[in-house]
Amino acid sequence: MPGLLDTTTAIPRVETERLLLRGHRLDDLDMCAAMWGDAEVARYIGGKAFGRDEVWMRLLRYVGHWALLGYGFWAIEEKASGRFAGEVGLGDFLRDLDPPLGATPESGWVLAPWAHRRGFATEAVRAALAWGAANLPAQRTVCLISPENVASIRVAEKCGYREFRRTTYKGQPTILFER
């Protein structure tokens, strides 16, 4: 299709022992919509399941990050099966926060339910952060996590993040971490 960004070459691929981080493709929409449509997956990220149209906007935002900023989010694929496992990456979402994050890249991750409790999140976040350290001028990154999301707090801590502020975001308590 003319005018389409070839995410297979424009977005770097990162491999770990078990995972492939790759650019999102149009055919990821159904798997992403299933993941984000799961209320348990979205519980700490917005508090409710996301509709297909919201997931579509998210995919466009991911590709836009790469096109405009040179970094963004990857789709996570399990290498052994080729199965979609989630998303991970770095973004600049211009969040209305106190303190403001400025131009500091924000890391984020989300996994499909089948991929939970396998160590995939830690493996993927470490790979994304290593790519960022090698390719971005900013060495500091941040992440926002709900105080109730114990699993993500553990992942963040394993990846070198430390709490630096408690605040609210969109009326909900949140913890800001930095590394």
N, C-alpha and C. Protein backbone atom coordinates (compact mmCIF):
# COMPACT_ATOMS: atom_id res chain seq x y z
N MET A 1 0.85 -1.17 0.00
CA MET A 1 0.00 0.00 0.00
C MET A 1 0.90 1.24 0.00
N PRO A 2 0.71 2.17 -0.93
CA PRO A 2 1.59 3.35 -0.99
C PRO A 2 1.47 4.21 0.26
N GLY A 3 2.60 4.78 0.65
CA GLY A 3 2.60 5.70 1.79
C GLY A 3 2.76 5.04 3.14
N LEU A 4 2.72 3.72 3.20
CA LEU A 4 2.84 3.04 4.49
C LEU A 4 4.30 3.01 4.95
N LEU A 5 4.50 3.27 6.24
CA LEU A 5 5.81 3.14 6.85
C LEU A 5 6.10 1.65 7.03
N ASP A 6 7.24 1.22 6.55
CA ASP A 6 7.62 -0.18 6.71
C ASP A 6 8.23 -0.34 8.10
N THR A 7 7.39 -0.73 9.06
CA THR A 7 7.86 -0.84 10.45
C THR A 7 8.86 -1.98 10.63
N THR A 8 8.94 -2.88 9.64
CA THR A 8 9.89 -3.98 9.77
C THR A 8 11.32 -3.50 9.55
N THR A 9 11.50 -2.35 8.86
CA THR A 9 12.85 -1.82 8.66
C THR A 9 13.05 -0.48 9.34
N ALA A 10 12.00 0.33 9.51
CA ALA A 10 12.13 1.66 10.09
C ALA A 10 12.27 1.62 11.61
N ILE A 11 11.80 0.56 12.23
CA ILE A 11 11.86 0.42 13.69
C ILE A 11 12.85 -0.71 13.99
N PRO A 12 13.84 -0.45 14.83
CA PRO A 12 14.85 -1.48 15.10
C PRO A 12 14.24 -2.72 15.76
N ARG A 13 14.81 -3.84 15.44
CA ARG A 13 14.43 -5.10 16.08
C ARG A 13 15.45 -5.37 17.19
N VAL A 14 14.95 -5.82 18.32
CA VAL A 14 15.81 -6.14 19.46
C VAL A 14 15.48 -7.57 19.87
N GLU A 15 16.51 -8.39 20.01
CA GLU A 15 16.28 -9.78 20.40
C GLU A 15 16.89 -10.06 21.76
N THR A 16 16.18 -10.87 22.52
CA THR A 16 16.70 -11.41 23.78
C THR A 16 16.73 -12.92 23.62
N GLU A 17 17.04 -13.60 24.67
CA GLU A 17 17.08 -15.06 24.58
C GLU A 17 15.73 -15.64 24.14
N ARG A 18 14.64 -15.10 24.69
CA ARG A 18 13.32 -15.68 24.42
C ARG A 18 12.38 -14.78 23.63
N LEU A 19 12.74 -13.51 23.46
CA LEU A 19 11.79 -12.54 22.91
C LEU A 19 12.35 -11.79 21.71
N LEU A 20 11.45 -11.35 20.86
CA LEU A 20 11.76 -10.43 19.77
C LEU A 20 10.93 -9.18 20.00
N LEU A 21 11.60 -8.02 20.06
CA LEU A 21 10.92 -6.74 20.12
C LEU A 21 10.96 -6.20 18.69
N ARG A 22 9.79 -5.91 18.13
CA ARG A 22 9.70 -5.48 16.74
C ARG A 22 8.65 -4.40 16.61
N GLY A 23 8.70 -3.69 15.51
CA GLY A 23 7.69 -2.67 15.24
C GLY A 23 6.31 -3.29 15.10
N HIS A 24 5.30 -2.54 15.51
CA HIS A 24 3.91 -3.00 15.33
C HIS A 24 3.56 -3.04 13.85
N ARG A 25 2.69 -3.98 13.51
CA ARG A 25 2.20 -4.14 12.14
C ARG A 25 0.68 -4.01 12.15
N LEU A 26 0.12 -3.77 11.00
CA LEU A 26 -1.34 -3.68 10.90
C LEU A 26 -2.01 -4.95 11.41
N ASP A 27 -1.40 -6.09 11.14
CA ASP A 27 -2.03 -7.35 11.56
C ASP A 27 -1.89 -7.63 13.06
N ASP A 28 -1.26 -6.72 13.81
CA ASP A 28 -1.22 -6.83 15.27
C ASP A 28 -2.50 -6.32 15.92
N LEU A 29 -3.33 -5.58 15.18
CA LEU A 29 -4.48 -4.93 15.79
C LEU A 29 -5.37 -5.90 16.55
N ASP A 30 -5.70 -7.03 15.98
CA ASP A 30 -6.60 -7.98 16.67
C ASP A 30 -6.00 -8.47 17.98
N MET A 31 -4.70 -8.80 17.97
CA MET A 31 -4.06 -9.30 19.19
C MET A 31 -3.94 -8.19 20.23
N CYS A 32 -3.61 -6.98 19.78
CA CYS A 32 -3.53 -5.85 20.70
C CYS A 32 -4.90 -5.54 21.29
N ALA A 33 -5.93 -5.56 20.44
CA ALA A 33 -7.29 -5.27 20.91
C ALA A 33 -7.74 -6.32 21.93
N ALA A 34 -7.38 -7.58 21.71
CA ALA A 34 -7.73 -8.62 22.68
C ALA A 34 -7.01 -8.38 24.01
N MET A 35 -5.73 -8.03 23.94
CA MET A 35 -4.97 -7.78 25.17
C MET A 35 -5.52 -6.58 25.92
N TRP A 36 -5.64 -5.43 25.23
CA TRP A 36 -6.11 -4.20 25.87
C TRP A 36 -7.58 -4.26 26.23
N GLY A 37 -8.33 -5.15 25.60
CA GLY A 37 -9.74 -5.32 25.91
C GLY A 37 -9.99 -6.17 27.15
N ASP A 38 -8.93 -6.76 27.68
CA ASP A 38 -9.02 -7.57 28.89
C ASP A 38 -8.99 -6.65 30.11
N ALA A 39 -10.04 -6.64 30.89
CA ALA A 39 -10.15 -5.73 32.04
C ALA A 39 -9.01 -5.93 33.04
N GLU A 40 -8.55 -7.14 33.20
CA GLU A 40 -7.46 -7.39 34.15
C GLU A 40 -6.15 -6.79 33.65
N VAL A 41 -5.90 -6.86 32.35
CA VAL A 41 -4.69 -6.27 31.77
C VAL A 41 -4.71 -4.76 31.96
N ALA A 42 -5.86 -4.14 31.71
CA ALA A 42 -5.98 -2.68 31.76
C ALA A 42 -6.26 -2.13 33.16
N ARG A 43 -6.41 -3.01 34.12
CA ARG A 43 -6.80 -2.62 35.48
C ARG A 43 -5.99 -1.45 36.03
N TYR A 44 -4.67 -1.48 35.87
CA TYR A 44 -3.81 -0.44 36.42
C TYR A 44 -3.38 0.59 35.37
N ILE A 45 -3.86 0.42 34.15
CA ILE A 45 -3.51 1.34 33.05
C ILE A 45 -4.82 1.91 32.51
N GLY A 46 -5.33 2.88 33.18
CA GLY A 46 -6.58 3.48 32.75
C GLY A 46 -7.80 2.97 33.50
N GLY A 47 -7.67 1.83 34.16
CA GLY A 47 -8.73 1.34 35.01
C GLY A 47 -9.87 0.61 34.33
N LYS A 48 -9.86 0.55 33.00
CA LYS A 48 -10.94 -0.16 32.29
C LYS A 48 -10.41 -0.72 30.99
N ALA A 49 -11.11 -1.70 30.47
CA ALA A 49 -10.73 -2.28 29.19
C ALA A 49 -10.83 -1.21 28.10
N PHE A 50 -9.97 -1.32 27.11
CA PHE A 50 -9.95 -0.37 25.99
C PHE A 50 -10.71 -0.94 24.81
N GLY A 51 -11.44 -0.09 24.11
CA GLY A 51 -12.15 -0.48 22.90
C GLY A 51 -11.20 -0.58 21.71
N ARG A 52 -11.64 -1.23 20.67
CA ARG A 52 -10.82 -1.42 19.47
C ARG A 52 -10.35 -0.07 18.90
N ASP A 53 -11.23 0.94 18.91
CA ASP A 53 -10.84 2.24 18.37
C ASP A 53 -9.73 2.88 19.21
N GLU A 54 -9.78 2.70 20.53
CA GLU A 54 -8.74 3.23 21.41
C GLU A 54 -7.41 2.51 21.17
N VAL A 55 -7.48 1.22 20.92
CA VAL A 55 -6.27 0.44 20.65
C VAL A 55 -5.68 0.87 19.31
N TRP A 56 -6.54 1.12 18.32
CA TRP A 56 -6.07 1.61 17.03
C TRP A 56 -5.29 2.92 17.21
N MET A 57 -5.84 3.84 18.01
CA MET A 57 -5.16 5.11 18.26
C MET A 57 -3.82 4.88 18.98
N ARG A 58 -3.78 3.91 19.84
CA ARG A 58 -2.54 3.56 20.54
C ARG A 58 -1.49 3.06 19.54
N LEU A 59 -1.89 2.20 18.62
CA LEU A 59 -0.95 1.69 17.61
C LEU A 59 -0.41 2.83 16.76
N LEU A 60 -1.28 3.74 16.37
CA LEU A 60 -0.84 4.89 15.57
C LEU A 60 0.14 5.75 16.37
N ARG A 61 -0.13 5.91 17.66
CA ARG A 61 0.77 6.68 18.53
C ARG A 61 2.14 6.01 18.61
N TYR A 62 2.17 4.70 18.70
CA TYR A 62 3.44 3.98 18.77
C TYR A 62 4.28 4.25 17.52
N VAL A 63 3.68 4.09 16.36
CA VAL A 63 4.40 4.31 15.11
C VAL A 63 4.81 5.78 14.99
N GLY A 64 3.94 6.68 15.44
CA GLY A 64 4.26 8.10 15.41
C GLY A 64 5.45 8.45 16.28
N HIS A 65 5.59 7.80 17.42
CA HIS A 65 6.76 8.03 18.27
C HIS A 65 8.04 7.74 17.49
N TRP A 66 8.07 6.59 16.84
CA TRP A 66 9.28 6.22 16.08
C TRP A 66 9.53 7.22 14.96
N ALA A 67 8.49 7.60 14.25
CA ALA A 67 8.66 8.51 13.11
C ALA A 67 9.10 9.90 13.55
N LEU A 68 8.56 10.41 14.65
CA LEU A 68 8.85 11.77 15.07
C LEU A 68 9.99 11.90 16.07
N LEU A 69 10.18 10.90 16.93
CA LEU A 69 11.15 11.01 18.02
C LEU A 69 12.35 10.07 17.89
N GLY A 70 12.22 9.05 17.05
CA GLY A 70 13.32 8.10 16.90
C GLY A 70 13.35 7.02 17.96
N TYR A 71 12.30 6.95 18.77
CA TYR A 71 12.14 5.88 19.75
C TYR A 71 10.65 5.68 19.97
N GLY A 72 10.30 4.58 20.61
CA GLY A 72 8.88 4.29 20.82
C GLY A 72 8.67 2.93 21.45
N PHE A 73 7.53 2.35 21.14
CA PHE A 73 7.16 1.06 21.70
C PHE A 73 7.28 -0.03 20.64
N TRP A 74 7.64 -1.21 21.12
CA TRP A 74 7.71 -2.40 20.28
C TRP A 74 6.59 -3.36 20.64
N ALA A 75 6.24 -4.19 19.68
CA ALA A 75 5.44 -5.38 19.97
C ALA A 75 6.42 -6.43 20.48
N ILE A 76 5.99 -7.21 21.47
CA ILE A 76 6.82 -8.29 22.01
C ILE A 76 6.30 -9.61 21.43
N GLU A 77 7.21 -10.37 20.89
CA GLU A 77 6.85 -11.67 20.32
C GLU A 77 7.70 -12.75 20.99
N GLU A 78 7.06 -13.83 21.39
CA GLU A 78 7.83 -14.96 21.91
C GLU A 78 8.51 -15.64 20.73
N LYS A 79 9.83 -15.76 20.78
CA LYS A 79 10.56 -16.31 19.63
C LYS A 79 10.20 -17.76 19.35
N ALA A 80 10.05 -18.57 20.37
CA ALA A 80 9.81 -20.00 20.17
C ALA A 80 8.51 -20.27 19.42
N SER A 81 7.48 -19.47 19.69
CA SER A 81 6.16 -19.73 19.09
C SER A 81 5.73 -18.68 18.07
N GLY A 82 6.37 -17.50 18.09
CA GLY A 82 5.93 -16.40 17.24
C GLY A 82 4.70 -15.70 17.77
N ARG A 83 4.30 -16.07 18.96
CA ARG A 83 3.06 -15.55 19.56
C ARG A 83 3.24 -14.13 20.10
N PHE A 84 2.26 -13.27 19.88
CA PHE A 84 2.25 -11.92 20.41
C PHE A 84 2.16 -11.99 21.93
N ALA A 85 3.12 -11.34 22.62
CA ALA A 85 3.18 -11.43 24.08
C ALA A 85 2.88 -10.11 24.78
N GLY A 86 2.90 -8.99 24.06
CA GLY A 86 2.63 -7.71 24.69
C GLY A 86 3.34 -6.57 24.01
N GLU A 87 3.60 -5.51 24.79
CA GLU A 87 4.25 -4.30 24.27
C GLU A 87 5.20 -3.74 25.32
N VAL A 88 6.26 -3.12 24.84
CA VAL A 88 7.25 -2.51 25.73
C VAL A 88 7.92 -1.37 24.96
N GLY A 89 8.38 -0.37 25.70
CA GLY A 89 9.13 0.66 25.01
C GLY A 89 9.29 1.92 25.82
N LEU A 90 9.66 2.97 25.09
CA LEU A 90 9.92 4.29 25.66
C LEU A 90 9.06 5.30 24.91
N GLY A 91 8.48 6.23 25.66
CA GLY A 91 7.62 7.22 25.02
C GLY A 91 7.75 8.59 25.67
N ASP A 92 7.17 9.55 24.99
CA ASP A 92 7.02 10.90 25.52
C ASP A 92 5.55 11.26 25.35
N PHE A 93 4.79 11.16 26.42
CA PHE A 93 3.33 11.30 26.36
C PHE A 93 2.84 12.67 26.81
N LEU A 94 3.77 13.59 27.11
CA LEU A 94 3.42 14.95 27.53
C LEU A 94 2.38 14.93 28.64
N ARG A 95 2.59 14.08 29.62
CA ARG A 95 1.64 13.93 30.72
C ARG A 95 1.60 15.19 31.59
N ASP A 96 0.40 15.50 32.05
CA ASP A 96 0.21 16.63 32.96
C ASP A 96 0.47 16.12 34.38
N LEU A 97 1.73 16.20 34.79
CA LEU A 97 2.16 15.66 36.08
C LEU A 97 2.91 16.71 36.88
N ASP A 98 2.89 16.54 38.20
CA ASP A 98 3.71 17.35 39.08
C ASP A 98 4.60 16.38 39.87
N PRO A 99 5.90 16.38 39.67
CA PRO A 99 6.64 17.29 38.81
C PRO A 99 6.52 16.86 37.35
N PRO A 100 6.65 17.83 36.41
CA PRO A 100 6.60 17.46 34.99
C PRO A 100 7.80 16.59 34.62
N LEU A 101 7.59 15.70 33.67
CA LEU A 101 8.67 14.80 33.25
C LEU A 101 9.58 15.44 32.22
N GLY A 102 9.13 16.53 31.60
CA GLY A 102 9.94 17.17 30.57
C GLY A 102 10.17 16.22 29.41
N ALA A 103 11.37 16.22 28.89
CA ALA A 103 11.71 15.38 27.74
C ALA A 103 12.27 14.02 28.16
N THR A 104 12.15 13.68 29.42
CA THR A 104 12.66 12.39 29.90
C THR A 104 11.82 11.25 29.33
N PRO A 105 12.45 10.29 28.63
CA PRO A 105 11.68 9.16 28.11
C PRO A 105 11.02 8.36 29.25
N GLU A 106 9.80 7.96 28.99
CA GLU A 106 9.02 7.17 29.95
C GLU A 106 8.93 5.73 29.46
N SER A 107 9.35 4.80 30.29
CA SER A 107 9.25 3.40 29.90
C SER A 107 7.89 2.85 30.30
N GLY A 108 7.45 1.88 29.54
CA GLY A 108 6.17 1.24 29.82
C GLY A 108 6.16 -0.17 29.28
N TRP A 109 5.30 -0.98 29.83
CA TRP A 109 5.17 -2.37 29.40
C TRP A 109 3.80 -2.89 29.76
N VAL A 110 3.34 -3.82 28.95
CA VAL A 110 2.07 -4.50 29.19
C VAL A 110 2.17 -5.87 28.52
N LEU A 111 1.66 -6.89 29.18
CA LEU A 111 1.73 -8.24 28.64
C LEU A 111 0.35 -8.85 28.48
N ALA A 112 0.22 -9.67 27.46
CA ALA A 112 -1.00 -10.47 27.29
C ALA A 112 -1.12 -11.41 28.48
N PRO A 113 -2.34 -11.76 28.89
CA PRO A 113 -2.51 -12.61 30.07
C PRO A 113 -1.70 -13.91 30.03
N TRP A 114 -1.60 -14.56 28.89
CA TRP A 114 -0.87 -15.83 28.81
C TRP A 114 0.63 -15.65 29.12
N ALA A 115 1.15 -14.43 28.95
CA ALA A 115 2.58 -14.17 29.11
C ALA A 115 2.97 -13.73 30.52
N HIS A 116 2.00 -13.59 31.41
CA HIS A 116 2.30 -13.18 32.79
C HIS A 116 3.05 -14.28 33.53
N ARG A 117 3.83 -13.86 34.52
CA ARG A 117 4.55 -14.76 35.43
C ARG A 117 5.54 -15.70 34.73
N ARG A 118 6.14 -15.21 33.64
CA ARG A 118 7.16 -15.99 32.91
C ARG A 118 8.50 -15.26 32.85
N GLY A 119 8.54 -14.06 33.46
CA GLY A 119 9.76 -13.27 33.40
C GLY A 119 9.91 -12.46 32.12
N PHE A 120 8.89 -12.50 31.27
CA PHE A 120 8.95 -11.78 29.99
C PHE A 120 9.03 -10.26 30.20
N ALA A 121 8.29 -9.73 31.16
CA ALA A 121 8.28 -8.28 31.36
C ALA A 121 9.68 -7.79 31.70
N THR A 122 10.33 -8.41 32.65
CA THR A 122 11.67 -7.99 33.05
C THR A 122 12.64 -8.12 31.88
N GLU A 123 12.56 -9.22 31.16
CA GLU A 123 13.45 -9.45 30.01
C GLU A 123 13.22 -8.39 28.93
N ALA A 124 11.97 -8.07 28.64
CA ALA A 124 11.66 -7.09 27.61
C ALA A 124 12.04 -5.67 28.04
N VAL A 125 11.75 -5.31 29.29
CA VAL A 125 12.09 -3.96 29.77
C VAL A 125 13.61 -3.78 29.77
N ARG A 126 14.34 -4.77 30.24
CA ARG A 126 15.81 -4.66 30.23
C ARG A 126 16.33 -4.46 28.81
N ALA A 127 15.76 -5.17 27.84
CA ALA A 127 16.20 -5.03 26.45
C ALA A 127 15.86 -3.65 25.91
N ALA A 128 14.67 -3.15 26.19
CA ALA A 128 14.28 -1.82 25.74
C ALA A 128 15.17 -0.75 26.35
N LEU A 129 15.47 -0.87 27.64
CA LEU A 129 16.33 0.10 28.31
C LEU A 129 17.76 0.04 27.79
N ALA A 130 18.25 -1.15 27.49
CA ALA A 130 19.59 -1.28 26.92
C ALA A 130 19.64 -0.61 25.55
N TRP A 131 18.60 -0.81 24.74
CA TRP A 131 18.54 -0.14 23.44
C TRP A 131 18.55 1.38 23.65
N GLY A 132 17.75 1.88 24.59
CA GLY A 132 17.70 3.31 24.86
C GLY A 132 19.04 3.86 25.31
N ALA A 133 19.73 3.14 26.18
CA ALA A 133 21.03 3.59 26.68
C ALA A 133 22.05 3.69 25.55
N ALA A 134 21.94 2.80 24.56
CA ALA A 134 22.88 2.80 23.44
C ALA A 134 22.51 3.79 22.34
N ASN A 135 21.23 4.23 22.31
CA ASN A 135 20.77 5.00 21.15
C ASN A 135 20.18 6.37 21.45
N LEU A 136 19.95 6.68 22.70
CA LEU A 136 19.34 7.97 23.05
C LEU A 136 20.30 8.81 23.88
N PRO A 137 20.24 10.13 23.72
CA PRO A 137 21.12 10.98 24.53
C PRO A 137 20.73 10.99 26.01
N ALA A 138 19.44 10.88 26.29
CA ALA A 138 18.98 10.90 27.69
C ALA A 138 19.31 9.56 28.34
N GLN A 139 20.00 9.61 29.46
CA GLN A 139 20.30 8.38 30.18
C GLN A 139 19.29 8.12 31.28
N ARG A 140 18.58 9.15 31.71
CA ARG A 140 17.54 9.00 32.74
C ARG A 140 16.24 8.60 32.05
N THR A 141 15.56 7.63 32.61
CA THR A 141 14.22 7.27 32.18
C THR A 141 13.34 7.21 33.41
N VAL A 142 12.05 7.31 33.20
CA VAL A 142 11.08 7.26 34.28
C VAL A 142 9.98 6.27 33.93
N CYS A 143 9.20 5.89 34.92
CA CYS A 143 7.98 5.13 34.68
C CYS A 143 6.97 5.48 35.76
N LEU A 144 5.70 5.36 35.42
CA LEU A 144 4.59 5.63 36.33
C LEU A 144 3.90 4.31 36.62
N ILE A 145 3.67 4.02 37.89
CA ILE A 145 3.05 2.75 38.25
C ILE A 145 2.03 2.99 39.35
N SER A 146 0.88 2.36 39.23
CA SER A 146 -0.13 2.40 40.29
C SER A 146 0.45 1.74 41.53
N PRO A 147 0.21 2.32 42.72
CA PRO A 147 0.72 1.70 43.95
C PRO A 147 0.20 0.28 44.17
N GLU A 148 -0.93 -0.06 43.56
CA GLU A 148 -1.50 -1.40 43.71
C GLU A 148 -0.90 -2.43 42.75
N ASN A 149 -0.15 -1.97 41.76
CA ASN A 149 0.40 -2.87 40.75
C ASN A 149 1.74 -3.44 41.22
N VAL A 150 1.66 -4.36 42.14
CA VAL A 150 2.85 -4.93 42.78
C VAL A 150 3.75 -5.63 41.77
N ALA A 151 3.18 -6.31 40.80
CA ALA A 151 4.00 -7.02 39.81
C ALA A 151 4.85 -6.04 39.00
N SER A 152 4.27 -4.93 38.55
CA SER A 152 5.04 -3.96 37.77
C SER A 152 6.06 -3.23 38.63
N ILE A 153 5.73 -3.00 39.88
CA ILE A 153 6.72 -2.38 40.78
C ILE A 153 7.94 -3.30 40.91
N ARG A 154 7.71 -4.61 41.02
CA ARG A 154 8.82 -5.57 41.10
C ARG A 154 9.66 -5.54 39.83
N VAL A 155 8.98 -5.50 38.67
CA VAL A 155 9.71 -5.43 37.39
C VAL A 155 10.57 -4.17 37.36
N ALA A 156 9.96 -3.03 37.70
CA ALA A 156 10.70 -1.76 37.69
C ALA A 156 11.94 -1.84 38.58
N GLU A 157 11.78 -2.37 39.78
CA GLU A 157 12.91 -2.46 40.71
C GLU A 157 13.99 -3.40 40.19
N LYS A 158 13.60 -4.51 39.58
CA LYS A 158 14.58 -5.43 38.99
C LYS A 158 15.35 -4.77 37.85
N CYS A 159 14.73 -3.79 37.21
CA CYS A 159 15.36 -3.10 36.08
C CYS A 159 16.08 -1.83 36.51
N GLY A 160 16.23 -1.63 37.82
CA GLY A 160 17.02 -0.52 38.32
C GLY A 160 16.26 0.74 38.66
N TYR A 161 14.95 0.71 38.59
CA TYR A 161 14.15 1.90 38.94
C TYR A 161 14.00 2.02 40.45
N ARG A 162 13.96 3.28 40.89
CA ARG A 162 13.73 3.59 42.30
C ARG A 162 12.66 4.67 42.39
N GLU A 163 11.81 4.55 43.37
CA GLU A 163 10.76 5.54 43.58
C GLU A 163 11.37 6.90 43.88
N PHE A 164 10.79 7.95 43.23
CA PHE A 164 11.25 9.30 43.56
C PHE A 164 10.12 10.25 43.89
N ARG A 165 8.87 9.85 43.67
CA ARG A 165 7.77 10.75 43.99
C ARG A 165 6.45 9.99 43.95
N ARG A 166 5.57 10.35 44.88
CA ARG A 166 4.18 9.88 44.82
C ARG A 166 3.32 11.08 44.46
N THR A 167 2.42 10.88 43.53
CA THR A 167 1.59 11.97 43.03
C THR A 167 0.27 11.38 42.55
N THR A 168 -0.50 12.16 41.84
CA THR A 168 -1.72 11.65 41.20
C THR A 168 -1.63 11.92 39.71
N TYR A 169 -2.25 11.05 38.95
CA TYR A 169 -2.36 11.23 37.51
C TYR A 169 -3.78 10.88 37.12
N LYS A 170 -4.46 11.83 36.51
CA LYS A 170 -5.87 11.67 36.14
C LYS A 170 -6.70 11.24 37.35
N GLY A 171 -6.39 11.85 38.50
CA GLY A 171 -7.16 11.61 39.71
C GLY A 171 -6.83 10.32 40.44
N GLN A 172 -5.87 9.57 39.95
CA GLN A 172 -5.51 8.29 40.58
C GLN A 172 -4.11 8.38 41.18
N PRO A 173 -3.91 7.75 42.35
CA PRO A 173 -2.57 7.75 42.93
C PRO A 173 -1.59 7.03 41.99
N THR A 174 -0.38 7.56 41.92
CA THR A 174 0.65 6.94 41.09
C THR A 174 2.00 7.16 41.73
N ILE A 175 2.90 6.23 41.46
CA ILE A 175 4.27 6.33 41.93
C ILE A 175 5.14 6.62 40.72
N LEU A 176 6.02 7.61 40.83
CA LEU A 176 6.99 7.91 39.79
C LEU A 176 8.31 7.25 40.17
N PHE A 177 8.86 6.51 39.21
CA PHE A 177 10.15 5.84 39.39
C PHE A 177 11.14 6.43 38.39
N GLU A 178 12.42 6.39 38.75
CA GLU A 178 13.46 6.83 37.82
C GLU A 178 14.64 5.89 37.89
N ARG A 179 15.44 5.91 36.83
CA ARG A 179 16.72 5.17 36.79
C ARG A 179 17.69 5.95 35.95
